[in-house]
Protein backbone atom coordinates (compact mmCIF):
# COMPACT_ATOMS: atom_id res chain seq x y z
CA MET A 1 52.25 26.42 57.03
CA LYS A 2 54.47 27.45 54.17
CA LYS A 3 56.84 30.36 54.67
CA GLY A 4 58.97 32.27 52.18
CA ILE A 5 62.10 31.93 54.27
CA TRP A 6 64.43 32.99 51.46
CA ILE A 7 63.49 36.34 49.99
CA SER A 8 66.02 36.27 47.17
CA ILE A 9 69.03 34.46 45.85
CA VAL A 10 71.17 36.85 47.89
CA VAL A 11 69.96 35.22 51.08
CA LEU A 12 70.95 31.83 49.75
CA ILE A 13 74.36 33.13 48.80
CA VAL A 14 74.90 34.41 52.33
CA LEU A 15 73.79 31.17 53.91
CA GLY A 16 75.67 28.99 51.43
CA GLY A 17 76.00 25.23 51.66
CA GLY A 18 74.16 22.53 49.81
CA VAL A 19 73.31 18.91 49.32
CA ALA A 20 71.76 16.59 46.76
CA MET A 21 68.17 17.07 45.76
CA ALA A 22 65.56 14.30 45.63
CA PHE A 23 63.56 13.83 42.43
CA ALA A 24 60.76 11.45 43.35
CA LEU A 25 58.13 13.63 45.00
CA ASN A 26 55.03 13.07 42.92
CA GLY A 27 52.86 11.78 45.77
CA SER A 28 49.61 13.23 47.02
CA ASP A 29 51.42 15.18 49.74
CA ASP A 30 53.45 17.09 47.15
CA ILE A 31 53.10 20.79 47.99
CA ALA A 32 53.20 21.62 44.27
CA LEU A 33 49.83 19.88 43.97
CA THR A 34 48.30 20.82 47.32
CA ASP A 35 49.17 24.52 47.23
CA ASP A 36 46.27 26.28 45.47
CA PHE A 37 48.36 29.00 43.83
CA THR A 38 51.09 26.66 42.57
CA SER A 39 48.74 23.95 41.32
CA SER A 40 46.83 26.51 39.23
CA PHE A 41 49.82 26.62 36.85
CA LEU A 42 50.22 22.85 36.53
CA ASP A 43 48.66 20.49 33.98
CA PRO A 44 48.70 16.87 35.22
CA ASN A 45 47.67 15.62 31.77
CA VAL A 46 51.01 16.57 30.19
CA GLU A 47 53.68 13.93 30.68
CA THR A 48 57.03 14.78 32.29
CA ASP A 49 59.79 12.82 33.96
CA GLU A 50 59.26 11.58 37.50
CA GLY A 51 59.72 14.36 40.03
CA PHE A 52 58.39 17.11 37.77
CA HIS A 53 55.05 18.60 36.70
CA TYR A 54 54.15 20.46 33.51
CA PHE A 55 53.99 24.22 34.17
CA GLN A 56 52.48 27.00 32.04
CA SER A 57 53.18 30.62 32.96
CA GLU A 58 50.28 32.96 33.70
CA LYS A 59 50.74 35.03 30.53
CA ASN A 60 51.53 31.95 28.43
CA ASN A 61 55.01 33.29 27.74
CA PHE A 62 56.72 29.99 28.51
CA SER A 63 56.29 26.46 29.79
CA MET A 64 58.67 24.30 31.79
CA TRP A 65 58.93 21.24 34.00
CA PHE A 66 58.16 22.35 37.52
CA PRO A 67 59.97 20.42 40.29
CA ALA A 68 57.86 18.39 42.69
CA GLY A 69 58.17 19.49 46.30
CA TYR A 70 58.33 23.17 45.39
CA TYR A 71 55.74 25.92 45.59
CA ILE A 72 55.43 29.41 44.06
CA GLU A 73 55.39 32.33 46.46
CA ASP A 74 52.40 34.53 45.57
CA ASP A 75 53.56 37.58 47.52
CA PRO A 76 53.33 40.57 45.11
CA THR A 77 56.96 41.45 45.86
CA LEU A 78 58.06 37.93 44.88
CA TYR A 79 55.74 37.22 41.95
CA GLU A 80 55.02 39.38 38.92
CA SER A 81 53.42 38.51 35.59
CA GLU A 82 53.18 40.93 32.67
CA ASP A 83 53.07 40.48 28.89
CA HIS A 84 56.83 40.91 28.45
CA PHE A 85 58.08 40.34 31.99
CA GLU A 86 57.53 37.58 34.53
CA PHE A 87 59.31 37.11 37.84
CA LEU A 88 58.85 33.98 39.96
CA ASP A 89 60.40 32.52 43.11
CA PHE A 90 60.12 28.76 43.71
CA TYR A 91 60.71 27.49 47.26
CA GLU A 92 61.22 23.89 48.27
CA ASP A 93 58.85 22.71 51.00
CA GLU A 94 60.60 23.67 54.21
CA THR A 95 59.66 20.37 55.84
CA HIS A 96 62.49 18.95 53.74
CA LEU A 97 64.89 21.19 55.63
CA ILE A 98 63.81 19.45 58.79
CA GLU A 99 63.52 15.94 57.35
CA LYS A 100 66.52 15.92 55.02
CA GLY A 101 68.59 18.82 56.27
CA TYR A 102 68.43 20.93 53.13
CA SER A 103 66.15 22.92 50.84
CA GLY A 104 66.44 24.51 47.41
CA PHE A 105 65.47 27.85 45.93
CA ILE A 106 64.84 28.67 42.25
CA GLN A 107 64.37 32.12 40.78
CA LEU A 108 63.18 32.76 37.21
CA LYS A 109 63.03 36.03 35.31
CA TYR A 110 61.37 36.06 31.88
CA ARG A 111 61.89 38.90 29.40
CA GLY A 112 60.16 39.31 26.04
CA ASN A 113 60.45 41.80 23.19
CA MET A 114 64.24 41.60 23.47
CA THR A 115 67.27 41.60 21.14
CA ASP A 116 70.36 39.39 21.06
CA HIS A 117 72.44 42.34 22.26
CA ARG A 118 70.28 42.85 25.34
CA ALA A 119 70.35 39.13 26.09
CA HIS A 120 74.14 39.16 26.05
CA LEU A 121 74.21 42.17 28.36
CA GLN A 122 72.06 40.14 30.75
CA LEU A 123 74.39 37.16 30.34
CA ASN A 124 77.40 39.29 31.23
CA ARG A 125 75.66 40.53 34.38
CA LEU A 126 74.77 36.97 35.28
CA LEU A 127 78.37 35.85 34.86
CA ASP A 128 79.68 38.78 36.90
CA ASP A 129 77.35 37.91 39.76
CA LEU A 130 77.37 34.13 39.79
CA SER A 131 80.20 32.56 37.81
CA TYR A 132 83.75 31.63 38.73
CA ASP A 133 86.15 33.48 36.41
CA ASN A 134 83.34 33.96 33.84
CA GLN A 135 83.16 30.21 33.22
CA TYR A 136 80.08 28.88 31.45
CA GLU A 137 78.97 26.43 28.77
CA LYS A 138 76.71 26.85 25.75
CA LEU A 139 74.14 24.39 24.45
CA GLN A 140 71.83 24.78 21.46
CA THR A 141 68.74 22.59 21.28
CA GLU A 142 65.95 22.42 18.71
CA GLU A 143 64.06 24.99 20.78
CA THR A 144 66.54 27.20 22.63
CA ILE A 145 70.08 28.45 23.14
CA ILE A 146 71.29 27.87 26.70
CA TYR A 147 74.22 29.50 28.49
CA TYR A 148 74.78 27.85 31.86
CA GLY A 149 77.26 27.18 34.64
CA SER A 150 77.77 26.57 38.34
CA SER A 151 79.94 27.74 41.21
CA TYR A 152 80.56 27.36 44.91
CA LEU A 153 80.23 30.40 47.13
CA THR A 154 81.27 30.95 50.72
CA LEU A 155 80.96 33.92 53.04
CA GLU A 156 84.31 35.25 54.21
CA ASP A 157 84.51 38.43 56.31
CA LYS A 158 80.94 39.23 55.25
CA GLU A 159 81.96 39.06 51.58
CA GLY A 160 80.84 36.42 49.12
CA VAL A 161 83.79 34.51 47.65
CA ILE A 162 83.28 32.44 44.51
CA HIS A 163 85.22 29.20 44.18
CA ASP A 164 85.98 26.97 41.20
CA PRO A 165 83.28 24.24 40.92
CA ALA A 166 85.99 21.93 39.59
CA THR A 167 87.57 21.88 43.05
CA HIS A 168 84.49 22.55 45.22
CA SER A 169 81.04 20.99 44.96
CA ALA A 170 78.73 23.59 43.42
CA ASN A 171 76.08 25.11 45.68
CA ARG A 172 74.54 27.33 43.04
CA TYR A 173 73.66 27.02 39.37
CA PHE A 174 72.72 29.64 36.79
CA ALA A 175 71.52 29.81 33.20
CA LEU A 176 70.25 32.13 30.51
CA VAL A 177 67.81 30.33 28.20
CA GLN A 178 67.21 32.21 24.95
CA SER A 179 64.72 31.71 22.12
CA LEU A 180 66.17 30.95 18.70
CA ASP A 181 64.82 34.25 17.31
CA TYR A 182 66.59 36.11 20.19
CA LYS A 183 63.37 37.88 21.19
CA GLN A 184 62.83 36.11 24.52
CA PHE A 185 65.00 34.83 27.32
CA ILE A 186 64.74 33.47 30.85
CA VAL A 187 67.34 33.83 33.59
CA VAL A 188 67.37 30.88 35.99
CA LYS A 189 69.16 30.83 39.35
CA TYR A 190 69.22 27.75 41.56
CA GLY A 191 70.69 27.73 45.05
CA ILE A 192 70.81 25.16 47.84
CA PHE A 193 70.46 25.96 51.53
CA CYS A 194 71.89 23.42 53.96
CA LYS A 195 70.75 23.40 57.58
CA ASP A 196 74.15 22.17 58.78
CA LYS A 197 76.64 23.00 56.06
CA GLU A 198 79.48 21.35 57.95
CA ASN A 199 77.81 17.95 57.57
CA CYS A 200 76.20 18.36 54.14
CA LEU A 201 77.54 16.38 51.22
CA ILE A 202 76.63 17.57 47.72
CA ASN A 203 75.94 14.97 45.06
CA ASP A 204 77.34 16.88 42.10
CA ASP A 205 76.00 14.49 39.46
CA GLN A 206 72.48 14.52 40.84
CA GLU A 207 72.37 18.30 41.28
CA SER A 208 73.74 18.84 37.78
CA ARG A 209 71.18 16.45 36.26
CA PHE A 210 68.38 18.21 38.11
CA PHE A 211 69.41 21.64 36.84
CA ASP A 212 69.99 20.36 33.30
CA THR A 213 66.51 18.84 33.27
CA LEU A 214 65.07 22.11 34.51
CA ILE A 215 66.68 24.39 31.93
CA GLN A 216 66.47 22.04 28.95
CA ASN A 217 62.69 21.71 29.28
CA ILE A 218 61.91 25.41 29.12
CA ARG A 219 59.86 26.26 26.04
CA PHE A 220 58.87 29.72 24.78
CA GLN A 221 55.23 29.96 23.76
CA LYS A 222 54.94 33.28 21.91
């Protein structure tokens, strides 16, 4: 039975830790395909890279590559879909926590009818909450403008402490993906929960490739 064991990214931040994420999960036991709610958003006829499925949001605001092995929590407090606002939590199948010792969590927030100024206000809030020393990179594609970064966070005296990802393996990733007309954006947060953080080794290259694939395949539809 699936369980939403992480209510928000805050829980992941408190728990901390992380390890590399597996891509090849396209088999028939993939929870993304067997979960009725999650599979209703997926189109198996659209080609993606191995380990991902094509996803279309409920209001057709955006599409993306949805990671295999994840499901969408349909709890009304964790899922919302409106014309100009969508909020989704993606949870990795918790059997992976038992089998592999780790699980991931992805949170997306879509906003439409925006301006460039409001997007940058959101970016500043994102950097304040999740970046080390306001570090981030910018990438412009044919479809989007992407502001993204990573960091490593530990819990010290009940306070979250952000560390430089250049000296610590990142256990969280963040991005703001913006449409070229500045009217739409999506905030993406990705965190990794490790069952035994003392013995977890993070594959930085693999985690970074996973997150890059995720954010670079977001497309705005309206």
